[in-house]
Amino acid sequence: MSQNPICVALDTPDPALAAAMVAQVKDHVGMAKIGMELFYRAGRAGYEQVAAHGVPLFLDLKLHDIPNTVAQGLTSLMSLAPAPAIVNVHASGGPAMLEAAARAVDGKAKLIAVTILTSLSDADIHALGFDPASDTAHTAVKLARLSKQSGLDGVVCSPHDIAAIKAACGSEFMTIVPGVRPAGADVQDQKRIATPRAARADGADILVIGRPITQADDPAAAAAAIAASLED
């Protein structure tokens, strides 16, 4: 996996646009993320159109179902050519689901779990039924511990939760971090954000960055500027 921690989020249903974006920015990022928008519209063909540019792919489908269904889904995803570098599930699916997912992936990709979405606040998770005495940070750490115990490689987490998760789960446990915005960028629908440099300083392994790159007038220059901001 590339040492460049930037993962550009290709949040479009159009595989031609996604592939064109990867072609523009691939010299300045370490990975690209394909999400539900593209995969549900274009499936394997769309995935392969993007993969043809040679950038490792994070297939962000956030599987969450009964253990057997998730395991079978991941087995199907592992047949993609090339296989994704990273796939993910929801940690809230529980230990049996997480363990089944780990067995299905069997080291063919990094398997990570979503803890608490960066669009959710404390009030949001309480409305969902999480412990009212806890907050997003403590809940994320609990879910990260569960994910590690279940055999996963890491988690998706808020920039605000990185340090606590690394302390609880160890430095080798991966943190994939959305909600990353360069200074002065529009926060849009994210509630818990940080700059790329701050997230990296806290221990983020992969920085998922979408619109600040993909909606820039010059996406390659925007990606290059973010990469430069991470250099010592």
C-alpha atoms as a PDB file:
ATOM      1  CA  MET A   1       0.000   0.000   0.000  1.00  0.00           C
ATOM      2  CA  SER A   2       1.311   3.437  -0.924  1.00  0.00           C
ATOM      3  CA  GLN A   3       2.998   5.618   1.683  1.00  0.00           C
ATOM      4  CA  ASN A   4       0.940   8.550   0.411  1.00  0.00           C
ATOM      5  CA  PRO A   5      -1.950   8.674   2.932  1.00  0.00           C
ATOM      6  CA  ILE A   6      -4.417  10.534   0.683  1.00  0.00           C
ATOM      7  CA  CYS A   7      -7.407   8.525  -0.538  1.00  0.00           C
ATOM      8  CA  VAL A   8      -9.495  10.502  -3.021  1.00  0.00           C
ATOM      9  CA  ALA A   9     -13.215   9.815  -2.645  1.00  0.00           C
ATOM     10  CA  LEU A  10     -14.827   9.287  -6.056  1.00  0.00           C
ATOM     11  CA  ASP A  11     -18.354  10.133  -4.973  1.00  0.00           C
ATOM     12  CA  THR A  12     -20.015   9.932  -8.372  1.00  0.00           C
ATOM     13  CA  PRO A  13     -22.281   7.333 -10.024  1.00  0.00           C
ATOM     14  CA  ASP A  14     -20.506   7.827 -13.375  1.00  0.00           C
ATOM     15  CA  PRO A  15     -17.557   5.438 -13.865  1.00  0.00           C
ATOM     16  CA  ALA A  16     -16.185   7.489 -16.771  1.00  0.00           C
ATOM     17  CA  LEU A  17     -16.022  10.583 -14.566  1.00  0.00           C
ATOM     18  CA  ALA A  18     -14.480   8.569 -11.724  1.00  0.00           C
ATOM     19  CA  ALA A  19     -11.854   7.087 -14.032  1.00  0.00           C
ATOM     20  CA  ALA A  20     -11.067  10.514 -15.483  1.00  0.00           C
ATOM     21  CA  MET A  21     -10.622  11.916 -11.965  1.00  0.00           C
ATOM     22  CA  VAL A  22      -8.223   9.125 -11.031  1.00  0.00           C
ATOM     23  CA  ALA A  23      -6.245   9.791 -14.197  1.00  0.00           C
ATOM     24  CA  GLN A  24      -5.889  13.446 -13.165  1.00  0.00           C
ATOM     25  CA  VAL A  25      -4.840  12.939  -9.555  1.00  0.00           C
ATOM     26  CA  LYS A  26      -3.129   9.528  -9.410  1.00  0.00           C
ATOM     27  CA  ASP A  27       0.364  11.047  -9.139  1.00  0.00           C
ATOM     28  CA  HIS A  28      -0.652  12.910  -5.957  1.00  0.00           C
ATOM     29  CA  VAL A  29      -2.736  10.343  -4.052  1.00  0.00           C
ATOM     30  CA  GLY A  30      -2.082   6.891  -2.671  1.00  0.00           C
ATOM     31  CA  MET A  31      -5.540   5.403  -3.142  1.00  0.00           C
ATOM     32  CA  ALA A  32      -9.032   6.042  -4.490  1.00  0.00           C
ATOM     33  CA  LYS A  33     -12.366   5.248  -2.850  1.00  0.00           C
ATOM     34  CA  ILE A  34     -15.292   3.784  -4.766  1.00  0.00           C
ATOM     35  CA  GLY A  35     -18.552   4.106  -2.875  1.00  0.00           C
ATOM     36  CA  MET A  36     -22.156   3.044  -3.163  1.00  0.00           C
ATOM     37  CA  GLU A  37     -22.987   5.658  -5.798  1.00  0.00           C
ATOM     38  CA  LEU A  38     -20.677   4.145  -8.392  1.00  0.00           C
ATOM     39  CA  PHE A  39     -20.764   0.466  -7.461  1.00  0.00           C
ATOM     40  CA  TYR A  40     -24.545   0.244  -7.265  1.00  0.00           C
ATOM     41  CA  ARG A  41     -24.869   1.957 -10.655  1.00  0.00           C
ATOM     42  CA  ALA A  42     -22.025   0.376 -12.622  1.00  0.00           C
ATOM     43  CA  GLY A  43     -20.997  -2.703 -10.611  1.00  0.00           C
ATOM     44  CA  ARG A  44     -17.991  -4.791 -11.591  1.00  0.00           C
ATOM     45  CA  ALA A  45     -17.552  -3.046 -14.967  1.00  0.00           C
ATOM     46  CA  GLY A  46     -17.439   0.395 -13.366  1.00  0.00           C
ATOM     47  CA  TYR A  47     -15.030  -0.817 -10.703  1.00  0.00           C
ATOM     48  CA  GLU A  48     -12.698  -2.266 -13.336  1.00  0.00           C
ATOM     49  CA  GLN A  49     -12.847   0.946 -15.386  1.00  0.00           C
ATOM     50  CA  VAL A  50     -11.431   2.858 -12.425  1.00  0.00           C
ATOM     51  CA  ALA A  51      -9.034   0.076 -11.404  1.00  0.00           C
ATOM     52  CA  ALA A  52      -7.473   0.135 -14.873  1.00  0.00           C
ATOM     53  CA  HIS A  53      -5.569   3.270 -13.843  1.00  0.00           C
ATOM     54  CA  GLY A  54      -3.520   1.230 -11.369  1.00  0.00           C
ATOM     55  CA  VAL A  55      -4.419   3.059  -8.151  1.00  0.00           C
ATOM     56  CA  PRO A  56      -5.236   0.848  -5.120  1.00  0.00           C
ATOM     57  CA  LEU A  57      -8.954   0.956  -4.371  1.00  0.00           C
ATOM     58  CA  PHE A  58     -10.925   1.250  -1.147  1.00  0.00           C
ATOM     59  CA  LEU A  59     -14.343  -0.279  -1.866  1.00  0.00           C
ATOM     60  CA  ASP A  60     -16.569   1.565   0.581  1.00  0.00           C
ATOM     61  CA  LEU A  61     -19.847  -0.367   0.747  1.00  0.00           C
ATOM     62  CA  LYS A  62     -20.213  -0.570   4.553  1.00  0.00           C
ATOM     63  CA  LEU A  63     -21.764  -4.044   4.665  1.00  0.00           C
ATOM     64  CA  HIS A  64     -24.159  -4.616   7.576  1.00  0.00           C
ATOM     65  CA  ASP A  65     -26.390  -7.691   7.713  1.00  0.00           C
ATOM     66  CA  ILE A  66     -26.553 -11.126   9.276  1.00  0.00           C
ATOM     67  CA  PRO A  67     -23.147 -12.876   9.423  1.00  0.00           C
ATOM     68  CA  ASN A  68     -23.699 -15.297   6.545  1.00  0.00           C
ATOM     69  CA  THR A  69     -24.989 -12.614   4.189  1.00  0.00           C
ATOM     70  CA  VAL A  70     -22.052 -10.317   4.902  1.00  0.00           C
ATOM     71  CA  ALA A  71     -19.578 -13.183   4.510  1.00  0.00           C
ATOM     72  CA  GLN A  72     -21.075 -14.193   1.163  1.00  0.00           C
ATOM     73  CA  GLY A  73     -21.081 -10.587  -0.004  1.00  0.00           C
ATOM     74  CA  LEU A  74     -17.411 -10.178   0.858  1.00  0.00           C
ATOM     75  CA  THR A  75     -16.547 -13.458  -0.850  1.00  0.00           C
ATOM     76  CA  SER A  76     -18.114 -12.050  -4.015  1.00  0.00           C
ATOM     77  CA  LEU A  77     -16.194  -8.776  -3.666  1.00  0.00           C
ATOM     78  CA  MET A  78     -12.912 -10.644  -3.279  1.00  0.00           C
ATOM     79  CA  SER A  79     -13.453 -12.025  -6.798  1.00  0.00           C
ATOM     80  CA  LEU A  80     -13.089  -8.545  -8.300  1.00  0.00           C
ATOM     81  CA  ALA A  81      -9.999  -8.143 -10.463  1.00  0.00           C
ATOM     82  CA  PRO A  82      -7.922  -6.645  -9.081  1.00  0.00           C
ATOM     83  CA  ALA A  83      -9.238  -7.210  -5.575  1.00  0.00           C
ATOM     84  CA  PRO A  84      -9.798  -4.023  -3.570  1.00  0.00           C
ATOM     85  CA  ALA A  85      -7.034  -3.007  -1.201  1.00  0.00           C
ATOM     86  CA  ILE A  86      -9.583  -2.189   1.514  1.00  0.00           C
ATOM     87  CA  VAL A  87     -13.196  -3.239   2.142  1.00  0.00           C
ATOM     88  CA  ASN A  88     -15.420  -2.325   5.056  1.00  0.00           C
ATOM     89  CA  VAL A  89     -18.360  -3.320   7.231  1.00  0.00           C
ATOM     90  CA  HIS A  90     -20.265  -1.642  10.066  1.00  0.00           C
ATOM     91  CA  ALA A  91     -18.834  -2.449  13.500  1.00  0.00           C
ATOM     92  CA  SER A  92     -22.348  -2.255  14.931  1.00  0.00           C
ATOM     93  CA  GLY A  93     -23.165  -5.494  13.100  1.00  0.00           C
ATOM     94  CA  GLY A  94     -21.748  -7.265  16.138  1.00  0.00           C
ATOM     95  CA  PRO A  95     -18.970  -9.756  16.885  1.00  0.00           C
ATOM     96  CA  ALA A  96     -20.411 -12.723  14.973  1.00  0.00           C
ATOM     97  CA  MET A  97     -20.788 -10.633  11.822  1.00  0.00           C
ATOM     98  CA  LEU A  98     -17.312  -9.131  12.184  1.00  0.00           C
ATOM     99  CA  GLU A  99     -15.711 -12.536  12.696  1.00  0.00           C
ATOM    100  CA  ALA A 100     -17.555 -13.974   9.687  1.00  0.00           C
ATOM    101  CA  ALA A 101     -16.384 -11.015   7.608  1.00  0.00           C
ATOM    102  CA  ALA A 102     -12.763 -11.552   8.642  1.00  0.00           C
ATOM    103  CA  ARG A 103     -12.941 -15.230   7.698  1.00  0.00           C
ATOM    104  CA  ALA A 104     -14.442 -14.381   4.307  1.00  0.00           C
ATOM    105  CA  VAL A 105     -11.795 -11.793   3.431  1.00  0.00           C
ATOM    106  CA  ASP A 106      -9.016 -14.048   4.783  1.00  0.00           C
ATOM    107  CA  GLY A 107      -6.247 -11.494   4.337  1.00  0.00           C
ATOM    108  CA  LYS A 108      -6.985 -10.818   0.648  1.00  0.00           C
ATOM    109  CA  ALA A 109      -7.709  -7.167   1.526  1.00  0.00           C
ATOM    110  CA  LYS A 110      -7.549  -4.980   4.592  1.00  0.00           C
ATOM    111  CA  LEU A 111     -10.879  -5.305   6.399  1.00  0.00           C
ATOM    112  CA  ILE A 112     -11.980  -2.299   8.401  1.00  0.00           C
ATOM    113  CA  ALA A 113     -15.111  -1.405  10.332  1.00  0.00           C
ATOM    114  CA  VAL A 114     -17.071   1.832  10.455  1.00  0.00           C
ATOM    115  CA  THR A 115     -17.361   3.041  14.046  1.00  0.00           C
ATOM    116  CA  ILE A 116     -19.474   6.218  14.222  1.00  0.00           C
ATOM    117  CA  LEU A 117     -20.201   8.098  11.007  1.00  0.00           C
ATOM    118  CA  THR A 118     -18.610  11.552  10.931  1.00  0.00           C
ATOM    119  CA  SER A 119     -22.023  13.051  10.139  1.00  0.00           C
ATOM    120  CA  LEU A 120     -23.341  11.963  13.569  1.00  0.00           C
ATOM    121  CA  SER A 121     -23.227  14.037  16.755  1.00  0.00           C
ATOM    122  CA  ASP A 122     -23.698  12.905  20.362  1.00  0.00           C
ATOM    123  CA  ALA A 123     -27.401  13.759  20.100  1.00  0.00           C
ATOM    124  CA  ASP A 124     -27.676  11.670  16.939  1.00  0.00           C
ATOM    125  CA  ILE A 125     -26.217   8.508  18.490  1.00  0.00           C
ATOM    126  CA  HIS A 126     -28.419   8.922  21.577  1.00  0.00           C
ATOM    127  CA  ALA A 127     -31.449   9.146  19.288  1.00  0.00           C
ATOM    128  CA  LEU A 128     -30.293   5.868  17.723  1.00  0.00           C
ATOM    129  CA  GLY A 129     -30.325   4.158  21.116  1.00  0.00           C
ATOM    130  CA  PHE A 130     -26.650   4.235  22.059  1.00  0.00           C
ATOM    131  CA  ASP A 131     -25.812   4.659  25.749  1.00  0.00           C
ATOM    132  CA  PRO A 132     -26.993   8.155  26.754  1.00  0.00           C
ATOM    133  CA  ALA A 133     -24.175   8.305  29.296  1.00  0.00           C
ATOM    134  CA  SER A 134     -21.605   7.912  26.497  1.00  0.00           C
ATOM    135  CA  ASP A 135     -20.590  10.138  23.590  1.00  0.00           C
ATOM    136  CA  THR A 136     -19.346   9.574  20.040  1.00  0.00           C
ATOM    137  CA  ALA A 137     -15.704   9.340  21.125  1.00  0.00           C
ATOM    138  CA  HIS A 138     -16.230   6.683  23.811  1.00  0.00           C
ATOM    139  CA  THR A 139     -18.610   4.737  21.581  1.00  0.00           C
ATOM    140  CA  ALA A 140     -16.094   4.774  18.721  1.00  0.00           C
ATOM    141  CA  VAL A 141     -13.380   3.374  20.984  1.00  0.00           C
ATOM    142  CA  LYS A 142     -15.673   0.566  22.178  1.00  0.00           C
ATOM    143  CA  LEU A 143     -16.504  -0.357  18.593  1.00  0.00           C
ATOM    144  CA  ALA A 144     -12.826  -0.199  17.623  1.00  0.00           C
ATOM    145  CA  ARG A 145     -11.888  -2.596  20.431  1.00  0.00           C
ATOM    146  CA  LEU A 146     -14.635  -4.969  19.317  1.00  0.00           C
ATOM    147  CA  SER A 147     -13.372  -4.796  15.742  1.00  0.00           C
ATOM    148  CA  LYS A 148      -9.811  -5.596  16.751  1.00  0.00           C
ATOM    149  CA  GLN A 149     -10.953  -8.491  18.961  1.00  0.00           C
ATOM    150  CA  SER A 150     -12.934  -9.832  15.994  1.00  0.00           C
ATOM    151  CA  GLY A 151      -9.863  -9.965  13.743  1.00  0.00           C
ATOM    152  CA  LEU A 152     -10.234  -6.797  11.681  1.00  0.00           C
ATOM    153  CA  ASP A 153      -7.332  -4.638  10.512  1.00  0.00           C
ATOM    154  CA  GLY A 154      -8.680  -1.249  11.519  1.00  0.00           C
ATOM    155  CA  VAL A 155     -11.583   1.157  11.567  1.00  0.00           C
ATOM    156  CA  VAL A 156     -13.105   4.146   9.875  1.00  0.00           C
ATOM    157  CA  CYS A 157     -13.317   6.898  12.476  1.00  0.00           C
ATOM    158  CA  SER A 158     -13.639  10.629  13.009  1.00  0.00           C
ATOM    159  CA  PRO A 159     -10.428  12.667  13.157  1.00  0.00           C
ATOM    160  CA  HIS A 160     -11.406  13.430  16.756  1.00  0.00           C
ATOM    161  CA  ASP A 161     -11.253   9.747  17.716  1.00  0.00           C
ATOM    162  CA  ILE A 162      -7.878   8.760  16.236  1.00  0.00           C
ATOM    163  CA  ALA A 163      -5.675   9.235  19.290  1.00  0.00           C
ATOM    164  CA  ALA A 164      -8.026   7.412  21.656  1.00  0.00           C
ATOM    165  CA  ILE A 165      -8.429   4.495  19.249  1.00  0.00           C
ATOM    166  CA  LYS A 166      -4.676   4.197  18.731  1.00  0.00           C
ATOM    167  CA  ALA A 167      -4.201   4.243  22.516  1.00  0.00           C
ATOM    168  CA  ALA A 168      -6.825   1.531  22.991  1.00  0.00           C
ATOM    169  CA  CYS A 169      -5.959  -0.707  20.031  1.00  0.00           C
ATOM    170  CA  GLY A 170      -2.288  -0.075  19.279  1.00  0.00           C
ATOM    171  CA  SER A 171      -0.391   1.882  16.655  1.00  0.00           C
ATOM    172  CA  GLU A 172      -0.597  -0.920  14.059  1.00  0.00           C
ATOM    173  CA  PHE A 173      -4.414  -0.898  14.110  1.00  0.00           C
ATOM    174  CA  MET A 174      -5.372   1.157  11.056  1.00  0.00           C
ATOM    175  CA  THR A 175      -7.381   4.353  11.222  1.00  0.00           C
ATOM    176  CA  ILE A 176      -9.059   5.433   7.993  1.00  0.00           C
ATOM    177  CA  VAL A 177     -10.310   8.962   8.468  1.00  0.00           C
ATOM    178  CA  PRO A 178     -13.019  10.848   6.564  1.00  0.00           C
ATOM    179  CA  GLY A 179     -14.134  14.293   7.673  1.00  0.00           C
ATOM    180  CA  VAL A 180     -10.783  15.719   6.551  1.00  0.00           C
ATOM    181  CA  ARG A 181     -10.913  19.245   5.168  1.00  0.00           C
ATOM    182  CA  PRO A 182      -8.070  21.617   4.266  1.00  0.00           C
ATOM    183  CA  ALA A 183      -8.094  24.862   6.235  1.00  0.00           C
ATOM    184  CA  GLY A 184     -10.816  27.159   4.933  1.00  0.00           C
ATOM    185  CA  ALA A 185     -12.725  24.451   3.044  1.00  0.00           C
ATOM    186  CA  ASP A 186     -16.503  24.100   3.323  1.00  0.00           C
ATOM    187  CA  VAL A 187     -17.375  21.472   5.979  1.00  0.00           C
ATOM    188  CA  GLN A 188     -20.536  20.479   4.027  1.00  0.00           C
ATOM    189  CA  ASP A 189     -22.319  17.522   5.713  1.00  0.00           C
ATOM    190  CA  GLN A 190     -19.502  16.571   8.090  1.00  0.00           C
ATOM    191  CA  LYS A 191     -19.795  17.484  11.773  1.00  0.00           C
ATOM    192  CA  ARG A 192     -16.501  16.223  13.242  1.00  0.00           C
ATOM    193  CA  ILE A 193     -13.622  17.324  11.049  1.00  0.00           C
ATOM    194  CA  ALA A 194      -9.909  18.166  11.074  1.00  0.00           C
ATOM    195  CA  THR A 195      -7.291  19.412   8.641  1.00  0.00           C
ATOM    196  CA  PRO A 196      -5.174  16.791   6.851  1.00  0.00           C
ATOM    197  CA  ARG A 197      -2.049  17.756   8.777  1.00  0.00           C
ATOM    198  CA  ALA A 198      -3.804  17.633  12.170  1.00  0.00           C
ATOM    199  CA  ALA A 199      -5.382  14.235  11.418  1.00  0.00           C
ATOM    200  CA  ARG A 200      -2.055  12.846  10.265  1.00  0.00           C
ATOM    201  CA  ALA A 201      -0.297  14.200  13.357  1.00  0.00           C
ATOM    202  CA  ASP A 202      -2.828  12.362  15.538  1.00  0.00           C
ATOM    203  CA  GLY A 203      -1.965   9.087  13.818  1.00  0.00           C
ATOM    204  CA  ALA A 204      -4.368   8.766  10.864  1.00  0.00           C
ATOM    205  CA  ASP A 205      -3.125   6.126   8.448  1.00  0.00           C
ATOM    206  CA  ILE A 206      -5.378   7.056   5.519  1.00  0.00           C
ATOM    207  CA  LEU A 207      -7.059  10.417   4.887  1.00  0.00           C
ATOM    208  CA  VAL A 208     -10.279  10.160   2.860  1.00  0.00           C
ATOM    209  CA  ILE A 209     -10.745  13.440   0.991  1.00  0.00           C
ATOM    210  CA  GLY A 210     -13.443  13.999  -1.588  1.00  0.00           C
ATOM    211  CA  ARG A 211     -14.909  17.317  -2.615  1.00  0.00           C
ATOM    212  CA  PRO A 212     -11.914  19.524  -1.695  1.00  0.00           C
ATOM    213  CA  ILE A 213     -10.105  17.601  -4.468  1.00  0.00           C
ATOM    214  CA  THR A 214     -12.807  16.441  -6.861  1.00  0.00           C
ATOM    215  CA  GLN A 215     -14.699  19.751  -6.980  1.00  0.00           C
ATOM    216  CA  ALA A 216     -11.595  21.928  -7.178  1.00  0.00           C
ATOM    217  CA  ASP A 217     -10.952  23.920 -10.361  1.00  0.00           C
ATOM    218  CA  ASP A 218      -7.732  21.907 -10.722  1.00  0.00           C
ATOM    219  CA  PRO A 219      -8.075  18.563  -8.888  1.00  0.00           C
ATOM    220  CA  ALA A 220      -4.457  17.562  -9.490  1.00  0.00           C
ATOM    221  CA  ALA A 221      -3.179  20.830  -8.041  1.00  0.00           C
ATOM    222  CA  ALA A 222      -5.548  20.518  -5.062  1.00  0.00           C
ATOM    223  CA  ALA A 223      -4.330  16.982  -4.336  1.00  0.00           C
ATOM    224  CA  ALA A 224      -0.712  18.042  -4.746  1.00  0.00           C
ATOM    225  CA  ALA A 225      -1.215  20.952  -2.337  1.00  0.00           C
ATOM    226  CA  ILE A 226      -2.708  18.655   0.306  1.00  0.00           C
ATOM    227  CA  ALA A 227       0.162  16.201  -0.146  1.00  0.00           C
ATOM    228  CA  ALA A 228       2.659  19.048   0.235  1.00  0.00           C
ATOM    229  CA  SER A 229       0.943  20.211   3.431  1.00  0.00           C
ATOM    230  CA  LEU A 230       1.724  16.830   5.009  1.00  0.00           C
ATOM    231  CA  GLU A 231       5.449  17.071   4.412  1.00  0.00           C
ATOM    232  CA  ASP A 232       7.683  17.977   7.353  1.00  0.00           C
END
